[in-house]
């Protein structure tokens, strides 16, 4: 689980900037969000939740693989949403493409894909 000091910040970043889809929202008895299950691509899943006690925030490093054609579109979406883009790799020797974006709390999210098989 990736913990956020403000879970709504994480939720908005992942859905707005990186194109994650909410799969389930879990609330406590008072209706406050306890955790959110998100997905991107066929197999990319993550759960986010609020920081609890001394749990560290802003240190998560996660990598998700999506279809290669989706990486460029997600990169533009992240840029348009104002995400801090840490690095971009396009069509390296193995046909990989990727970018890493940092969310407002310092977590880094890498989206990867393969655009071509070469070699």
C-alpha atoms as a PDB file:
ATOM      1  CA  UNK A   1       0.000   0.000   0.000  1.00  0.00           C
ATOM      2  CA  UNK A   2       1.249   3.474  -0.857  1.00  0.00           C
ATOM      3  CA  UNK A   3       0.496   5.874   1.982  1.00  0.00           C
ATOM      4  CA  UNK A   4      -0.413   9.518   1.551  1.00  0.00           C
ATOM      5  CA  UNK A   5      -0.601  12.310   4.094  1.00  0.00           C
ATOM      6  CA  UNK A   6      -3.619  13.396   2.008  1.00  0.00           C
ATOM      7  CA  UNK A   7      -5.179  10.391   0.252  1.00  0.00           C
ATOM      8  CA  UNK A   8      -7.184  12.681  -2.052  1.00  0.00           C
ATOM      9  CA  UNK A   9      -3.936  14.135  -3.414  1.00  0.00           C
ATOM     10  CA  UNK A  10      -2.795  10.640  -4.383  1.00  0.00           C
ATOM     11  CA  UNK A  11      -6.185   9.687  -5.743  1.00  0.00           C
ATOM     12  CA  UNK A  12      -6.415  12.795  -7.960  1.00  0.00           C
ATOM     13  CA  UNK A  13      -2.832  12.436  -9.198  1.00  0.00           C
ATOM     14  CA  UNK A  14      -3.099   8.781 -10.122  1.00  0.00           C
ATOM     15  CA  UNK A  15      -6.488   9.056 -11.815  1.00  0.00           C
ATOM     16  CA  UNK A  16      -6.008  12.488 -13.363  1.00  0.00           C
ATOM     17  CA  UNK A  17      -2.344  12.542 -14.353  1.00  0.00           C
ATOM     18  CA  UNK A  18      -1.526   8.868 -14.881  1.00  0.00           C
ATOM     19  CA  UNK A  19      -4.850   7.451 -16.059  1.00  0.00           C
ATOM     20  CA  UNK A  20      -5.408   4.946 -13.261  1.00  0.00           C
ATOM     21  CA  UNK A  21      -9.005   3.778 -12.840  1.00  0.00           C
ATOM     22  CA  UNK A  22     -10.673   3.367  -9.482  1.00  0.00           C
ATOM     23  CA  UNK A  23     -11.547  -0.283  -8.953  1.00  0.00           C
ATOM     24  CA  UNK A  24     -12.865   0.037  -5.390  1.00  0.00           C
ATOM     25  CA  UNK A  25     -13.165   2.727  -2.721  1.00  0.00           C
ATOM     26  CA  UNK A  26     -13.274   1.527   0.885  1.00  0.00           C
ATOM     27  CA  UNK A  27     -14.742   3.828   3.540  1.00  0.00           C
ATOM     28  CA  UNK A  28     -14.956   3.662   7.310  1.00  0.00           C
ATOM     29  CA  UNK A  29     -18.231   3.836   9.269  1.00  0.00           C
ATOM     30  CA  UNK A  30     -18.142   7.644   9.175  1.00  0.00           C
ATOM     31  CA  UNK A  31     -17.702   7.671   5.386  1.00  0.00           C
ATOM     32  CA  UNK A  32     -14.030   8.704   5.308  1.00  0.00           C
ATOM     33  CA  UNK A  33     -11.907   7.016   2.631  1.00  0.00           C
ATOM     34  CA  UNK A  34      -9.719   4.299   4.172  1.00  0.00           C
ATOM     35  CA  UNK A  35      -8.148   3.028   0.968  1.00  0.00           C
ATOM     36  CA  UNK A  36      -8.600   3.087  -2.782  1.00  0.00           C
ATOM     37  CA  UNK A  37      -7.808   0.217  -5.144  1.00  0.00           C
ATOM     38  CA  UNK A  38      -6.602   1.493  -8.514  1.00  0.00           C
ATOM     39  CA  UNK A  39      -5.572  -0.121 -11.774  1.00  0.00           C
ATOM     40  CA  UNK A  40      -3.845   0.799 -15.018  1.00  0.00           C
ATOM     41  CA  UNK A  41      -3.411  -1.441 -18.039  1.00  0.00           C
ATOM     42  CA  UNK A  42      -4.245  -5.125 -17.765  1.00  0.00           C
ATOM     43  CA  UNK A  43      -2.216  -6.030 -14.698  1.00  0.00           C
ATOM     44  CA  UNK A  44      -1.115  -2.792 -13.017  1.00  0.00           C
ATOM     45  CA  UNK A  45      -2.736  -2.486  -9.603  1.00  0.00           C
ATOM     46  CA  UNK A  46      -2.023  -0.464  -6.511  1.00  0.00           C
ATOM     47  CA  UNK A  47      -3.771   0.336  -3.258  1.00  0.00           C
ATOM     48  CA  UNK A  48      -3.404   3.751  -1.671  1.00  0.00           C
ATOM     49  CA  UNK A  49      -4.325   4.747   1.851  1.00  0.00           C
ATOM     50  CA  UNK A  50      -3.855   7.468   4.423  1.00  0.00           C
ATOM     51  CA  UNK A  51      -0.665   7.736   6.417  1.00  0.00           C
ATOM     52  CA  UNK A  52      -1.025   6.028   9.772  1.00  0.00           C
ATOM     53  CA  UNK A  53       1.092   6.970  12.746  1.00  0.00           C
ATOM     54  CA  UNK A  54       4.717   7.130  11.676  1.00  0.00           C
ATOM     55  CA  UNK A  55       4.269   5.379   8.327  1.00  0.00           C
ATOM     56  CA  UNK A  56       6.573   7.047   5.777  1.00  0.00           C
ATOM     57  CA  UNK A  57       5.004   8.995   2.957  1.00  0.00           C
ATOM     58  CA  UNK A  58       6.582  10.175  -0.270  1.00  0.00           C
ATOM     59  CA  UNK A  59       9.035   7.285  -0.585  1.00  0.00           C
ATOM     60  CA  UNK A  60       7.153   4.842  -2.812  1.00  0.00           C
ATOM     61  CA  UNK A  61       8.720   3.784  -6.099  1.00  0.00           C
ATOM     62  CA  UNK A  62       6.341   1.826  -8.307  1.00  0.00           C
ATOM     63  CA  UNK A  63       6.598   0.590 -11.905  1.00  0.00           C
ATOM     64  CA  UNK A  64       3.661  -0.288 -14.142  1.00  0.00           C
ATOM     65  CA  UNK A  65       3.699  -1.802 -17.626  1.00  0.00           C
ATOM     66  CA  UNK A  66       1.072  -0.778 -20.149  1.00  0.00           C
ATOM     67  CA  UNK A  67       0.792  -1.219 -23.911  1.00  0.00           C
ATOM     68  CA  UNK A  68       3.599   0.643 -25.664  1.00  0.00           C
ATOM     69  CA  UNK A  69       1.183   2.836 -27.600  1.00  0.00           C
ATOM     70  CA  UNK A  70      -0.311   4.035 -24.314  1.00  0.00           C
ATOM     71  CA  UNK A  71       2.939   5.343 -22.825  1.00  0.00           C
ATOM     72  CA  UNK A  72       3.132   8.443 -25.031  1.00  0.00           C
ATOM     73  CA  UNK A  73      -0.526   9.279 -24.386  1.00  0.00           C
ATOM     74  CA  UNK A  74      -0.087   8.859 -20.625  1.00  0.00           C
ATOM     75  CA  UNK A  75       3.066  11.008 -20.707  1.00  0.00           C
ATOM     76  CA  UNK A  76       1.161  13.829 -22.399  1.00  0.00           C
ATOM     77  CA  UNK A  77      -1.694  13.394 -19.931  1.00  0.00           C
ATOM     78  CA  UNK A  78       0.733  13.621 -17.005  1.00  0.00           C
ATOM     79  CA  UNK A  79       2.366  16.739 -18.450  1.00  0.00           C
ATOM     80  CA  UNK A  80      -1.011  18.370 -19.052  1.00  0.00           C
ATOM     81  CA  UNK A  81      -1.978  17.637 -15.437  1.00  0.00           C
ATOM     82  CA  UNK A  82       1.163  19.416 -14.224  1.00  0.00           C
ATOM     83  CA  UNK A  83       3.047  16.320 -13.041  1.00  0.00           C
ATOM     84  CA  UNK A  84       6.765  16.599 -12.423  1.00  0.00           C
ATOM     85  CA  UNK A  85       8.378  14.401 -15.097  1.00  0.00           C
ATOM     86  CA  UNK A  86      11.607  12.963 -13.704  1.00  0.00           C
ATOM     87  CA  UNK A  87      12.767  10.998 -16.762  1.00  0.00           C
ATOM     88  CA  UNK A  88      11.661   9.883 -20.219  1.00  0.00           C
ATOM     89  CA  UNK A  89      12.998   6.918 -22.223  1.00  0.00           C
ATOM     90  CA  UNK A  90      11.792   6.472 -25.783  1.00  0.00           C
ATOM     91  CA  UNK A  91      12.610   3.506 -27.976  1.00  0.00           C
ATOM     92  CA  UNK A  92      15.840   2.363 -26.382  1.00  0.00           C
ATOM     93  CA  UNK A  93      17.804  -0.542 -27.875  1.00  0.00           C
ATOM     94  CA  UNK A  94      15.183  -3.083 -26.796  1.00  0.00           C
ATOM     95  CA  UNK A  95      12.169  -1.060 -27.955  1.00  0.00           C
ATOM     96  CA  UNK A  96      11.195   0.024 -24.442  1.00  0.00           C
ATOM     97  CA  UNK A  97       9.602   3.344 -23.699  1.00  0.00           C
ATOM     98  CA  UNK A  98       8.983   4.723 -20.235  1.00  0.00           C
ATOM     99  CA  UNK A  99       8.568   7.797 -18.135  1.00  0.00           C
ATOM    100  CA  UNK A 100       8.767   8.488 -14.437  1.00  0.00           C
ATOM    101  CA  UNK A 101       6.575  11.112 -12.797  1.00  0.00           C
ATOM    102  CA  UNK A 102       6.725  12.352  -9.233  1.00  0.00           C
ATOM    103  CA  UNK A 103       3.468  12.995  -7.405  1.00  0.00           C
ATOM    104  CA  UNK A 104       2.901  15.988  -5.089  1.00  0.00           C
ATOM    105  CA  UNK A 105       4.005  13.956  -2.040  1.00  0.00           C
ATOM    106  CA  UNK A 106       7.272  12.731  -3.591  1.00  0.00           C
ATOM    107  CA  UNK A 107       6.292   9.215  -4.685  1.00  0.00           C
ATOM    108  CA  UNK A 108       7.680   8.190  -8.072  1.00  0.00           C
ATOM    109  CA  UNK A 109       5.577   6.324 -10.616  1.00  0.00           C
ATOM    110  CA  UNK A 110       7.147   4.718 -13.677  1.00  0.00           C
ATOM    111  CA  UNK A 111       4.959   3.772 -16.644  1.00  0.00           C
ATOM    112  CA  UNK A 112       6.633   1.429 -19.137  1.00  0.00           C
ATOM    113  CA  UNK A 113       5.772  -0.282 -22.394  1.00  0.00           C
ATOM    114  CA  UNK A 114       7.389  -1.963 -25.385  1.00  0.00           C
ATOM    115  CA  UNK A 115       6.899  -0.187 -28.707  1.00  0.00           C
ATOM    116  CA  UNK A 116       8.820  -2.654 -30.888  1.00  0.00           C
ATOM    117  CA  UNK A 117      10.852  -5.812 -30.721  1.00  0.00           C
ATOM    118  CA  UNK A 118      14.304  -5.130 -32.130  1.00  0.00           C
ATOM    119  CA  UNK A 119      17.623  -6.869 -32.254  1.00  0.00           C
END
